[in-house]
Amino acid sequence: MMLINSIDMFLKFAGNEIRVEDLSQEEIKQFQRAVASGELSKMIEPWNPWWKQRSAQRISQPRRKSAHTTTPRTK
């Protein structure tokens, strides 16, 4: 039984953060094997920052008057 495919593990930790201390020795071994074999890497999508997305190229900040800009005084 692989750690990733274990329904029991999912039900045990669904919605909770998992710590190594929460795992049995067998579960720790399964986890280590899954890491070493690359099984976990296949399940993690690479992170693409939103600002590098093509759609983000259209985003711009509105122009504001600077607090340091002075306006000419009239006499």
PDB file of N, CA and C in Angstrom:
ATOM      1  N   MET A   1       0.849  -1.191   0.000  1.00  0.00           N
ATOM      2  CA  MET A   1       0.000   0.000   0.000  1.00  0.00           C
ATOM      3  C   MET A   1       0.884   1.240   0.000  1.00  0.00           C
ATOM      4  N   MET A   2       0.745   2.071  -1.007  1.00  0.00           N
ATOM      5  CA  MET A   2       1.519   3.306  -1.082  1.00  0.00           C
ATOM      6  C   MET A   2       0.851   4.384  -0.247  1.00  0.00           C
ATOM      7  N   LEU A   3       1.658   5.228   0.346  1.00  0.00           N
ATOM      8  CA  LEU A   3       1.159   6.305   1.189  1.00  0.00           C
ATOM      9  C   LEU A   3       0.186   7.206   0.428  1.00  0.00           C
ATOM     10  N   ILE A   4       0.526   7.540  -0.796  1.00  0.00           N
ATOM     11  CA  ILE A   4      -0.272   8.472  -1.581  1.00  0.00           C
ATOM     12  C   ILE A   4      -1.651   7.915  -1.886  1.00  0.00           C
ATOM     13  N   ASN A   5      -1.763   6.628  -2.069  1.00  0.00           N
ATOM     14  CA  ASN A   5      -3.035   6.016  -2.441  1.00  0.00           C
ATOM     15  C   ASN A   5      -3.852   5.564  -1.239  1.00  0.00           C
ATOM     16  N   SER A   6      -3.396   5.835  -0.056  1.00  0.00           N
ATOM     17  CA  SER A   6      -4.055   5.331   1.134  1.00  0.00           C
ATOM     18  C   SER A   6      -5.275   6.178   1.507  1.00  0.00           C
ATOM     19  N   ILE A   7      -6.436   5.587   1.381  1.00  0.00           N
ATOM     20  CA  ILE A   7      -7.670   6.275   1.772  1.00  0.00           C
ATOM     21  C   ILE A   7      -7.692   6.484   3.282  1.00  0.00           C
ATOM     22  N   ASP A   8      -7.167   5.516   4.028  1.00  0.00           N
ATOM     23  CA  ASP A   8      -7.114   5.656   5.482  1.00  0.00           C
ATOM     24  C   ASP A   8      -6.313   6.888   5.888  1.00  0.00           C
ATOM     25  N   MET A   9      -5.191   7.121   5.204  1.00  0.00           N
ATOM     26  CA  MET A   9      -4.368   8.293   5.518  1.00  0.00           C
ATOM     27  C   MET A   9      -5.129   9.573   5.206  1.00  0.00           C
ATOM     28  N   PHE A  10      -5.819   9.582   4.083  1.00  0.00           N
ATOM     29  CA  PHE A  10      -6.588  10.767   3.714  1.00  0.00           C
ATOM     30  C   PHE A  10      -7.642  11.069   4.767  1.00  0.00           C
ATOM     31  N   LEU A  11      -8.381  10.053   5.172  1.00  0.00           N
ATOM     32  CA  LEU A  11      -9.426  10.257   6.172  1.00  0.00           C
ATOM     33  C   LEU A  11      -8.842  10.652   7.521  1.00  0.00           C
ATOM     34  N   LYS A  12      -7.686  10.113   7.841  1.00  0.00           N
ATOM     35  CA  LYS A  12      -7.040  10.407   9.123  1.00  0.00           C
ATOM     36  C   LYS A  12      -6.612  11.867   9.211  1.00  0.00           C
ATOM     37  N   PHE A  13      -6.124  12.424   8.096  1.00  0.00           N
ATOM     38  CA  PHE A  13      -5.538  13.759   8.142  1.00  0.00           C
ATOM     39  C   PHE A  13      -6.241  14.787   7.265  1.00  0.00           C
ATOM     40  N   ALA A  14      -7.384  14.456   6.712  1.00  0.00           N
ATOM     41  CA  ALA A  14      -8.078  15.378   5.818  1.00  0.00           C
ATOM     42  C   ALA A  14      -8.326  16.719   6.501  1.00  0.00           C
ATOM     43  N   GLY A  15      -7.865  17.769   5.843  1.00  0.00           N
ATOM     44  CA  GLY A  15      -8.084  19.112   6.359  1.00  0.00           C
ATOM     45  C   GLY A  15      -7.150  19.506   7.483  1.00  0.00           C
ATOM     46  N   ASN A  16      -6.213  18.659   7.838  1.00  0.00           N
ATOM     47  CA  ASN A  16      -5.295  18.980   8.927  1.00  0.00           C
ATOM     48  C   ASN A  16      -3.857  18.982   8.426  1.00  0.00           C
ATOM     49  N   GLU A  17      -3.037  19.717   9.133  1.00  0.00           N
ATOM     50  CA  GLU A  17      -1.609  19.711   8.831  1.00  0.00           C
ATOM     51  C   GLU A  17      -1.012  18.421   9.375  1.00  0.00           C
ATOM     52  N   ILE A  18      -0.169  17.797   8.593  1.00  0.00           N
ATOM     53  CA  ILE A  18       0.445  16.533   9.013  1.00  0.00           C
ATOM     54  C   ILE A  18       1.875  16.807   9.457  1.00  0.00           C
ATOM     55  N   ARG A  19       2.229  16.306  10.607  1.00  0.00           N
ATOM     56  CA  ARG A  19       3.600  16.392  11.112  1.00  0.00           C
ATOM     57  C   ARG A  19       4.178  14.991  11.137  1.00  0.00           C
ATOM     58  N   VAL A  20       5.487  14.895  11.048  1.00  0.00           N
ATOM     59  CA  VAL A  20       6.144  13.587  11.079  1.00  0.00           C
ATOM     60  C   VAL A  20       5.769  12.845  12.358  1.00  0.00           C
ATOM     61  N   GLU A  21       5.627  13.565  13.440  1.00  0.00           N
ATOM     62  CA  GLU A  21       5.293  12.942  14.724  1.00  0.00           C
ATOM     63  C   GLU A  21       3.924  12.255  14.693  1.00  0.00           C
ATOM     64  N   ASP A  22       3.064  12.664  13.772  1.00  0.00           N
ATOM     65  CA  ASP A  22       1.721  12.086  13.654  1.00  0.00           C
ATOM     66  C   ASP A  22       1.726  10.733  12.950  1.00  0.00           C
ATOM     67  N   LEU A  23       2.823  10.413  12.259  1.00  0.00           N
ATOM     68  CA  LEU A  23       2.891   9.197  11.460  1.00  0.00           C
ATOM     69  C   LEU A  23       3.469   8.028  12.242  1.00  0.00           C
ATOM     70  N   SER A  24       3.018   6.843  11.895  1.00  0.00           N
ATOM     71  CA  SER A  24       3.600   5.631  12.471  1.00  0.00           C
ATOM     72  C   SER A  24       4.947   5.385  11.781  1.00  0.00           C
ATOM     73  N   GLN A  25       5.743   4.486  12.310  1.00  0.00           N
ATOM     74  CA  GLN A  25       7.038   4.178  11.693  1.00  0.00           C
ATOM     75  C   GLN A  25       6.851   3.666  10.257  1.00  0.00           C
ATOM     76  N   GLU A  26       5.842   2.843  10.046  1.00  0.00           N
ATOM     77  CA  GLU A  26       5.578   2.325   8.694  1.00  0.00           C
ATOM     78  C   GLU A  26       5.180   3.457   7.753  1.00  0.00           C
ATOM     79  N   GLU A  27       4.357   4.394   8.230  1.00  0.00           N
ATOM     80  CA  GLU A  27       3.941   5.524   7.405  1.00  0.00           C
ATOM     81  C   GLU A  27       5.126   6.424   7.067  1.00  0.00           C
ATOM     82  N   ILE A  28       6.035   6.601   8.010  1.00  0.00           N
ATOM     83  CA  ILE A  28       7.241   7.387   7.758  1.00  0.00           C
ATOM     84  C   ILE A  28       8.083   6.723   6.675  1.00  0.00           C
ATOM     85  N   LYS A  29       8.220   5.412   6.743  1.00  0.00           N
ATOM     86  CA  LYS A  29       8.981   4.679   5.726  1.00  0.00           C
ATOM     87  C   LYS A  29       8.312   4.827   4.359  1.00  0.00           C
ATOM     88  N   GLN A  30       6.983   4.714   4.325  1.00  0.00           N
ATOM     89  CA  GLN A  30       6.254   4.859   3.059  1.00  0.00           C
ATOM     90  C   GLN A  30       6.454   6.259   2.494  1.00  0.00           C
ATOM     91  N   PHE A  31       6.391   7.247   3.362  1.00  0.00           N
ATOM     92  CA  PHE A  31       6.592   8.633   2.930  1.00  0.00           C
ATOM     93  C   PHE A  31       7.996   8.816   2.357  1.00  0.00           C
ATOM     94  N   GLN A  32       8.994   8.313   3.053  1.00  0.00           N
ATOM     95  CA  GLN A  32      10.372   8.433   2.590  1.00  0.00           C
ATOM     96  C   GLN A  32      10.571   7.741   1.245  1.00  0.00           C
ATOM     97  N   ARG A  33       9.933   6.588   1.061  1.00  0.00           N
ATOM     98  CA  ARG A  33      10.023   5.896  -0.230  1.00  0.00           C
ATOM     99  C   ARG A  33       9.353   6.717  -1.333  1.00  0.00           C
ATOM    100  N   ALA A  34       8.211   7.321  -1.003  1.00  0.00           N
ATOM    101  CA  ALA A  34       7.495   8.136  -1.993  1.00  0.00           C
ATOM    102  C   ALA A  34       8.331   9.358  -2.391  1.00  0.00           C
ATOM    103  N   VAL A  35       9.027   9.957  -1.441  1.00  0.00           N
ATOM    104  CA  VAL A  35       9.901  11.087  -1.750  1.00  0.00           C
ATOM    105  C   VAL A  35      11.067  10.624  -2.616  1.00  0.00           C
ATOM    106  N   ALA A  36      11.733   9.545  -2.202  1.00  0.00           N
ATOM    107  CA  ALA A  36      12.909   9.040  -2.914  1.00  0.00           C
ATOM    108  C   ALA A  36      12.575   8.594  -4.337  1.00  0.00           C
ATOM    109  N   SER A  37      11.401   8.038  -4.539  1.00  0.00           N
ATOM    110  CA  SER A  37      11.027   7.534  -5.865  1.00  0.00           C
ATOM    111  C   SER A  37      10.528   8.633  -6.799  1.00  0.00           C
ATOM    112  N   GLY A  38      10.257   9.821  -6.261  1.00  0.00           N
ATOM    113  CA  GLY A  38       9.726  10.910  -7.072  1.00  0.00           C
ATOM    114  C   GLY A  38       8.213  10.913  -7.162  1.00  0.00           C
ATOM    115  N   GLU A  39       7.564   9.997  -6.458  1.00  0.00           N
ATOM    116  CA  GLU A  39       6.107   9.906  -6.519  1.00  0.00           C
ATOM    117  C   GLU A  39       5.441  11.205  -6.058  1.00  0.00           C
ATOM    118  N   LEU A  40       5.979  11.827  -5.017  1.00  0.00           N
ATOM    119  CA  LEU A  40       5.385  13.070  -4.521  1.00  0.00           C
ATOM    120  C   LEU A  40       5.587  14.214  -5.500  1.00  0.00           C
ATOM    121  N   SER A  41       6.742  14.243  -6.147  1.00  0.00           N
ATOM    122  CA  SER A  41       7.026  15.315  -7.105  1.00  0.00           C
ATOM    123  C   SER A  41       6.014  15.347  -8.235  1.00  0.00           C
ATOM    124  N   LYS A  42       5.516  14.199  -8.624  1.00  0.00           N
ATOM    125  CA  LYS A  42       4.542  14.124  -9.710  1.00  0.00           C
ATOM    126  C   LYS A  42       3.209  14.749  -9.316  1.00  0.00           C
ATOM    127  N   MET A  43       2.949  14.850  -8.027  1.00  0.00           N
ATOM    128  CA  MET A  43       1.657  15.351  -7.552  1.00  0.00           C
ATOM    129  C   MET A  43       1.663  16.856  -7.299  1.00  0.00           C
ATOM    130  N   ILE A  44       2.824  17.478  -7.338  1.00  0.00           N
ATOM    131  CA  ILE A  44       2.937  18.898  -7.025  1.00  0.00           C
ATOM    132  C   ILE A  44       3.094  19.679  -8.321  1.00  0.00           C
ATOM    133  N   GLU A  45       2.163  20.576  -8.569  1.00  0.00           N
ATOM    134  CA  GLU A  45       2.244  21.401  -9.762  1.00  0.00           C
ATOM    135  C   GLU A  45       3.251  22.514  -9.526  1.00  0.00           C
ATOM    136  N   PRO A  46       4.071  22.816 -10.520  1.00  0.00           N
ATOM    137  CA  PRO A  46       5.004  23.931 -10.371  1.00  0.00           C
ATOM    138  C   PRO A  46       4.237  25.223 -10.132  1.00  0.00           C
ATOM    139  N   TRP A  47       4.786  26.069  -9.291  1.00  0.00           N
ATOM    140  CA  TRP A  47       4.140  27.336  -8.961  1.00  0.00           C
ATOM    141  C   TRP A  47       4.504  28.364 -10.014  1.00  0.00           C
ATOM    142  N   ASN A  48       3.509  28.987 -10.558  1.00  0.00           N
ATOM    143  CA  ASN A  48       3.701  30.073 -11.515  1.00  0.00           C
ATOM    144  C   ASN A  48       3.160  31.344 -10.884  1.00  0.00           C
ATOM    145  N   PRO A  49       4.041  32.298 -10.556  1.00  0.00           N
ATOM    146  CA  PRO A  49       3.564  33.546  -9.941  1.00  0.00           C
ATOM    147  C   PRO A  49       2.576  34.261 -10.853  1.00  0.00           C
ATOM    148  N   TRP A  50       1.574  34.856 -10.271  1.00  0.00           N
ATOM    149  CA  TRP A  50       0.525  35.495 -11.063  1.00  0.00           C
ATOM    150  C   TRP A  50       1.086  36.623 -11.912  1.00  0.00           C
ATOM    151  N   TRP A  51       2.115  37.312 -11.425  1.00  0.00           N
ATOM    152  CA  TRP A  51       2.641  38.457 -12.154  1.00  0.00           C
ATOM    153  C   TRP A  51       3.445  38.047 -13.397  1.00  0.00           C
ATOM    154  N   LYS A  52       3.724  36.759 -13.539  1.00  0.00           N
ATOM    155  CA  LYS A  52       4.403  36.281 -14.741  1.00  0.00           C
ATOM    156  C   LYS A  52       3.415  35.723 -15.766  1.00  0.00           C
ATOM    157  N   GLN A  53       2.138  35.714 -15.428  1.00  0.00           N
ATOM    158  CA  GLN A  53       1.107  35.242 -16.347  1.00  0.00           C
ATOM    159  C   GLN A  53       0.910  36.277 -17.456  1.00  0.00           C
ATOM    160  N   ARG A  54       0.579  35.796 -18.608  1.00  0.00           N
ATOM    161  CA  ARG A  54       0.358  36.696 -19.746  1.00  0.00           C
ATOM    162  C   ARG A  54      -0.730  37.734 -19.425  1.00  0.00           C
ATOM    163  N   SER A  55      -1.777  37.322 -18.731  1.00  0.00           N
ATOM    164  CA  SER A  55      -2.876  38.243 -18.409  1.00  0.00           C
ATOM    165  C   SER A  55      -2.435  39.365 -17.479  1.00  0.00           C
ATOM    166  N   ALA A  56      -1.373  39.170 -16.712  1.00  0.00           N
ATOM    167  CA  ALA A  56      -0.904  40.196 -15.785  1.00  0.00           C
ATOM    168  C   ALA A  56      -0.191  41.329 -16.511  1.00  0.00           C
ATOM    169  N   GLN A  57       0.179  41.132 -17.747  1.00  0.00           N
ATOM    170  CA  GLN A  57       0.861  42.179 -18.503  1.00  0.00           C
ATOM    171  C   GLN A  57      -0.051  43.379 -18.752  1.00  0.00           C
ATOM    172  N   ARG A  58      -1.347  43.157 -18.647  1.00  0.00           N
ATOM    173  CA  ARG A  58      -2.301  44.251 -18.870  1.00  0.00           C
ATOM    174  C   ARG A  58      -2.590  45.043 -17.600  1.00  0.00           C
ATOM    175  N   ILE A  59      -2.040  44.617 -16.473  1.00  0.00           N
ATOM    176  CA  ILE A  59      -2.313  45.286 -15.205  1.00  0.00           C
ATOM    177  C   ILE A  59      -1.358  46.463 -15.046  1.00  0.00           C
ATOM    178  N   SER A  60      -1.898  47.601 -14.657  1.00  0.00           N
ATOM    179  CA  SER A  60      -1.056  48.768 -14.388  1.00  0.00           C
ATOM    180  C   SER A  60      -1.621  49.517 -13.195  1.00  0.00           C
ATOM    181  N   GLN A  61      -0.745  50.246 -12.546  1.00  0.00           N
ATOM    182  CA  GLN A  61      -1.186  51.034 -11.399  1.00  0.00           C
ATOM    183  C   GLN A  61      -1.751  52.359 -11.898  1.00  0.00           C
ATOM    184  N   PRO A  62      -2.799  52.827 -11.247  1.00  0.00           N
ATOM    185  CA  PRO A  62      -3.343  54.124 -11.647  1.00  0.00           C
ATOM    186  C   PRO A  62      -2.347  55.233 -11.305  1.00  0.00           C
ATOM    187  N   ARG A  63      -2.304  56.248 -12.136  1.00  0.00           N
ATOM    188  CA  ARG A  63      -1.411  57.374 -11.856  1.00  0.00           C
ATOM    189  C   ARG A  63      -2.025  58.234 -10.766  1.00  0.00           C
ATOM    190  N   ARG A  64      -1.181  58.560  -9.810  1.00  0.00           N
ATOM    191  CA  ARG A  64      -1.633  59.435  -8.727  1.00  0.00           C
ATOM    192  C   ARG A  64      -0.702  60.630  -8.648  1.00  0.00           C
ATOM    193  N   LYS A  65      -1.235  61.691  -8.149  1.00  0.00           N
ATOM    194  CA  LYS A  65      -0.385  62.856  -7.930  1.00  0.00           C
ATOM    195  C   LYS A  65       0.525  62.551  -6.753  1.00  0.00           C
ATOM    196  N   SER A  66       1.763  62.880  -6.913  1.00  0.00           N
ATOM    197  CA  SER A  66       2.733  62.654  -5.856  1.00  0.00           C
ATOM    198  C   SER A  66       2.506  63.660  -4.742  1.00  0.00           C
ATOM    199  N   ALA A  67       2.746  63.257  -3.529  1.00  0.00           N
ATOM    200  CA  ALA A  67       2.621  64.152  -2.387  1.00  0.00           C
ATOM    201  C   ALA A  67       3.708  65.232  -2.443  1.00  0.00           C
ATOM    202  N   HIS A  68       4.754  64.948  -3.190  1.00  0.00           N
ATOM    203  CA  HIS A  68       5.889  65.885  -3.275  1.00  0.00           C
ATOM    204  C   HIS A  68       5.750  66.849  -4.446  1.00  0.00           C
ATOM    205  N   THR A  69       4.737  66.678  -5.243  1.00  0.00           N
ATOM    206  CA  THR A  69       4.528  67.567  -6.374  1.00  0.00           C
ATOM    207  C   THR A  69       3.959  68.873  -5.877  1.00  0.00           C
ATOM    208  N   THR A  70       4.558  69.944  -6.330  1.00  0.00           N
ATOM    209  CA  THR A  70       4.044  71.253  -5.910  1.00  0.00           C
ATOM    210  C   THR A  70       3.248  71.858  -7.062  1.00  0.00           C
ATOM    211  N   THR A  71       2.269  72.600  -6.708  1.00  0.00           N
ATOM    212  CA  THR A  71       1.487  73.294  -7.718  1.00  0.00           C
ATOM    213  C   THR A  71       1.902  74.761  -7.685  1.00  0.00           C
ATOM    214  N   PRO A  72       2.012  75.336  -8.840  1.00  0.00           N
ATOM    215  CA  PRO A  72       2.439  76.753  -8.867  1.00  0.00           C
ATOM    216  C   PRO A  72       1.414  77.656  -8.187  1.00  0.00           C
ATOM    217  N   ARG A  73       1.904  78.603  -7.424  1.00  0.00           N
ATOM    218  CA  ARG A  73       0.997  79.567  -6.754  1.00  0.00           C
ATOM    219  C   ARG A  73       0.722  80.735  -7.690  1.00  0.00           C
ATOM    220  N   THR A  74      -0.480  81.203  -7.634  1.00  0.00           N
ATOM    221  CA  THR A  74      -0.850  82.376  -8.425  1.00  0.00           C
ATOM    222  C   THR A  74      -0.752  83.592  -7.550  1.00  0.00           C
ATOM    223  N   LYS A  75      -0.346  84.730  -8.154  1.00  0.00           N
ATOM    224  CA  LYS A  75      -0.181  85.957  -7.377  1.00  0.00           C
ATOM    225  C   LYS A  75      -1.458  86.713  -7.257  1.00  0.00           C
TER     226      LYS A  75
END
